[in-house]
Amino acid sequence: MDKSISYRSLVYLNKEQKRAKNALWNAIERKAPEQDIDNLKNKLEVLDWLIGLAIKEDEKMKTPEQFLQEVKQIAWDYTHDSEVMHSRLDEAVEDLLASLGYGESVEYIRSLERWYA
């Protein structure tokens, strides 16, 4: 997921959330039918959920710079043991793939026998 797309989506969702809140308060003030108020409450709940999901997705995304720092740190930490380094780098790449939505593929890859040497 591109962070700029995620950010634009979040801005859009926040604007929609504000509109929905205003519409809800206006409906309550003008004593709109209960069904209209319930529909607006449901819309607001969905928007709140989507905003929370967008924030959660954004938090688990690593920037390219963060990932580069992570792999550099792994390389530094395991310079003395190339097999362990290789294993840790594989795990880092798998975690990155999982954060991008390829969790099922990563689970399958992790179920396979590996040999480092």
C-alpha atoms as a PDB file:
ATOM      1  CA  MET A   1       0.000   0.000   0.000  1.00  0.00           C
ATOM      2  CA  ASP A   2       1.359   3.385  -1.017  1.00  0.00           C
ATOM      3  CA  LYS A   3       1.422   5.715   2.010  1.00  0.00           C
ATOM      4  CA  SER A   4       0.255   8.707  -0.074  1.00  0.00           C
ATOM      5  CA  ILE A   5      -2.837   6.782  -1.167  1.00  0.00           C
ATOM      6  CA  SER A   6      -3.471   5.726   2.406  1.00  0.00           C
ATOM      7  CA  TYR A   7      -3.092   9.328   3.575  1.00  0.00           C
ATOM      8  CA  ARG A   8      -5.484  10.665   0.906  1.00  0.00           C
ATOM      9  CA  SER A   9      -7.986   7.974   1.828  1.00  0.00           C
ATOM     10  CA  LEU A  10      -7.717   8.882   5.489  1.00  0.00           C
ATOM     11  CA  VAL A  11      -8.262  12.584   4.722  1.00  0.00           C
ATOM     12  CA  TYR A  12     -11.329  11.688   2.655  1.00  0.00           C
ATOM     13  CA  LEU A  13     -12.712   9.434   5.394  1.00  0.00           C
ATOM     14  CA  ASN A  14     -12.181  12.158   8.002  1.00  0.00           C
ATOM     15  CA  LYS A  15     -14.115  14.660   5.852  1.00  0.00           C
ATOM     16  CA  GLU A  16     -16.932  12.160   5.389  1.00  0.00           C
ATOM     17  CA  GLN A  17     -16.947  11.487   9.125  1.00  0.00           C
ATOM     18  CA  LYS A  18     -17.357  15.224   9.851  1.00  0.00           C
ATOM     19  CA  ARG A  19     -20.196  15.461   7.313  1.00  0.00           C
ATOM     20  CA  ALA A  20     -21.915  12.448   8.845  1.00  0.00           C
ATOM     21  CA  LYS A  21     -21.610  13.892  12.366  1.00  0.00           C
ATOM     22  CA  ASN A  22     -23.066  17.216  11.218  1.00  0.00           C
ATOM     23  CA  ALA A  23     -25.894  15.456   9.395  1.00  0.00           C
ATOM     24  CA  LEU A  24     -26.627  13.375  12.483  1.00  0.00           C
ATOM     25  CA  TRP A  25     -26.761  16.419  14.777  1.00  0.00           C
ATOM     26  CA  ASN A  26     -28.984  18.259  12.283  1.00  0.00           C
ATOM     27  CA  ALA A  27     -31.302  15.250  12.063  1.00  0.00           C
ATOM     28  CA  ILE A  28     -31.539  15.053  15.861  1.00  0.00           C
ATOM     29  CA  GLU A  29     -32.169  18.809  16.174  1.00  0.00           C
ATOM     30  CA  ARG A  30     -34.958  18.798  13.575  1.00  0.00           C
ATOM     31  CA  LYS A  31     -36.439  15.662  15.113  1.00  0.00           C
ATOM     32  CA  ALA A  32     -36.055  13.567  11.982  1.00  0.00           C
ATOM     33  CA  PRO A  33     -37.665  10.122  11.802  1.00  0.00           C
ATOM     34  CA  GLU A  34     -35.886   7.521  13.947  1.00  0.00           C
ATOM     35  CA  GLN A  35     -35.000   5.478  10.846  1.00  0.00           C
ATOM     36  CA  ASP A  36     -33.090   8.438   9.343  1.00  0.00           C
ATOM     37  CA  ILE A  37     -31.196   8.945  12.593  1.00  0.00           C
ATOM     38  CA  ASP A  38     -30.370   5.222  12.802  1.00  0.00           C
ATOM     39  CA  ASN A  39     -29.097   5.253   9.196  1.00  0.00           C
ATOM     40  CA  LEU A  40     -26.824   8.185   9.978  1.00  0.00           C
ATOM     41  CA  LYS A  41     -25.558   6.467  13.142  1.00  0.00           C
ATOM     42  CA  ASN A  42     -24.791   3.336  11.115  1.00  0.00           C
ATOM     43  CA  LYS A  43     -22.932   5.371   8.495  1.00  0.00           C
ATOM     44  CA  LEU A  44     -20.900   7.026  11.240  1.00  0.00           C
ATOM     45  CA  GLU A  45     -20.028   3.651  12.775  1.00  0.00           C
ATOM     46  CA  VAL A  46     -18.822   2.357   9.405  1.00  0.00           C
ATOM     47  CA  LEU A  47     -16.716   5.473   8.850  1.00  0.00           C
ATOM     48  CA  ASP A  48     -15.210   5.154  12.332  1.00  0.00           C
ATOM     49  CA  TRP A  49     -14.369   1.513  11.593  1.00  0.00           C
ATOM     50  CA  LEU A  50     -12.802   2.368   8.211  1.00  0.00           C
ATOM     51  CA  ILE A  51     -10.719   5.150   9.743  1.00  0.00           C
ATOM     52  CA  GLY A  52      -9.491   2.788  12.442  1.00  0.00           C
ATOM     53  CA  LEU A  53      -8.628   0.194   9.817  1.00  0.00           C
ATOM     54  CA  ALA A  54      -6.755   2.743   7.688  1.00  0.00           C
ATOM     55  CA  ILE A  55      -4.752   3.894  10.709  1.00  0.00           C
ATOM     56  CA  LYS A  56      -3.982   0.306  11.704  1.00  0.00           C
ATOM     57  CA  GLU A  57      -2.802  -0.522   8.170  1.00  0.00           C
ATOM     58  CA  ASP A  58      -0.691   2.618   8.042  1.00  0.00           C
ATOM     59  CA  GLU A  59       0.969   1.796  11.387  1.00  0.00           C
ATOM     60  CA  LYS A  60       2.049  -1.666  10.341  1.00  0.00           C
ATOM     61  CA  MET A  61       3.502  -0.478   7.038  1.00  0.00           C
ATOM     62  CA  LYS A  62       7.244   0.023   6.959  1.00  0.00           C
ATOM     63  CA  THR A  63       8.737   2.686   4.783  1.00  0.00           C
ATOM     64  CA  PRO A  64      11.498   1.598   2.396  1.00  0.00           C
ATOM     65  CA  GLU A  65      13.943   3.459   4.620  1.00  0.00           C
ATOM     66  CA  GLN A  66      12.774   1.604   7.733  1.00  0.00           C
ATOM     67  CA  PHE A  67      13.081  -1.744   5.991  1.00  0.00           C
ATOM     68  CA  LEU A  68      16.571  -0.879   4.730  1.00  0.00           C
ATOM     69  CA  GLN A  69      17.614   0.024   8.273  1.00  0.00           C
ATOM     70  CA  GLU A  70      16.180  -3.260   9.539  1.00  0.00           C
ATOM     71  CA  VAL A  71      18.092  -5.400   7.023  1.00  0.00           C
ATOM     72  CA  LYS A  72      21.280  -3.428   7.601  1.00  0.00           C
ATOM     73  CA  GLN A  73      20.919  -4.040  11.331  1.00  0.00           C
ATOM     74  CA  ILE A  74      20.386  -7.763  10.753  1.00  0.00           C
ATOM     75  CA  ALA A  75      23.461  -7.885   8.506  1.00  0.00           C
ATOM     76  CA  TRP A  76      25.498  -6.076  11.156  1.00  0.00           C
ATOM     77  CA  ASP A  77      24.224  -8.224  14.039  1.00  0.00           C
ATOM     78  CA  TYR A  78      24.924 -11.518  12.258  1.00  0.00           C
ATOM     79  CA  THR A  79      28.070 -10.692  10.274  1.00  0.00           C
ATOM     80  CA  HIS A  80      29.800 -13.558  12.085  1.00  0.00           C
ATOM     81  CA  ASP A  81      27.181 -16.164  11.053  1.00  0.00           C
ATOM     82  CA  SER A  82      25.965 -16.017   7.461  1.00  0.00           C
ATOM     83  CA  GLU A  83      23.470 -18.876   7.940  1.00  0.00           C
ATOM     84  CA  VAL A  84      21.687 -17.106  10.783  1.00  0.00           C
ATOM     85  CA  MET A  85      21.876 -13.816   8.869  1.00  0.00           C
ATOM     86  CA  HIS A  86      20.246 -15.460   5.843  1.00  0.00           C
ATOM     87  CA  SER A  87      17.497 -16.917   8.036  1.00  0.00           C
ATOM     88  CA  ARG A  88      16.831 -13.567   9.765  1.00  0.00           C
ATOM     89  CA  LEU A  89      16.768 -11.717   6.441  1.00  0.00           C
ATOM     90  CA  ASP A  90      14.250 -14.251   5.111  1.00  0.00           C
ATOM     91  CA  GLU A  91      12.079 -13.608   8.171  1.00  0.00           C
ATOM     92  CA  ALA A  92      12.295  -9.843   7.645  1.00  0.00           C
ATOM     93  CA  VAL A  93      11.224 -10.169   4.001  1.00  0.00           C
ATOM     94  CA  GLU A  94       8.405 -12.532   4.990  1.00  0.00           C
ATOM     95  CA  ASP A  95       7.192 -10.109   7.673  1.00  0.00           C
ATOM     96  CA  LEU A  96       7.219  -7.309   5.115  1.00  0.00           C
ATOM     97  CA  LEU A  97       5.213  -9.418   2.674  1.00  0.00           C
ATOM     98  CA  ALA A  98       2.730 -10.308   5.401  1.00  0.00           C
ATOM     99  CA  SER A  99       2.271  -6.606   6.240  1.00  0.00           C
ATOM    100  CA  LEU A 100       1.432  -6.011   2.568  1.00  0.00           C
ATOM    101  CA  GLY A 101      -1.352  -8.579   2.672  1.00  0.00           C
ATOM    102  CA  TYR A 102       0.486 -11.705   1.535  1.00  0.00           C
ATOM    103  CA  GLY A 103       0.020 -13.477   4.866  1.00  0.00           C
ATOM    104  CA  GLU A 104      -1.373 -16.679   3.391  1.00  0.00           C
ATOM    105  CA  SER A 105       1.566 -16.996   1.003  1.00  0.00           C
ATOM    106  CA  VAL A 106       3.990 -16.330   3.845  1.00  0.00           C
ATOM    107  CA  GLU A 107       2.324 -19.009   5.973  1.00  0.00           C
ATOM    108  CA  TYR A 108       2.803 -21.488   3.136  1.00  0.00           C
ATOM    109  CA  ILE A 109       6.446 -20.500   2.627  1.00  0.00           C
ATOM    110  CA  ARG A 110       7.095 -20.846   6.358  1.00  0.00           C
ATOM    111  CA  SER A 111       5.568 -24.329   6.351  1.00  0.00           C
ATOM    112  CA  LEU A 112       8.215 -25.549   3.894  1.00  0.00           C
ATOM    113  CA  GLU A 113      11.414 -27.161   5.052  1.00  0.00           C
ATOM    114  CA  ARG A 114      14.448 -24.922   4.611  1.00  0.00           C
ATOM    115  CA  TRP A 115      18.111 -25.564   4.581  1.00  0.00           C
ATOM    116  CA  TYR A 116      20.740 -22.892   5.149  1.00  0.00           C
ATOM    117  CA  ALA A 117      24.343 -23.817   4.508  1.00  0.00           C
END
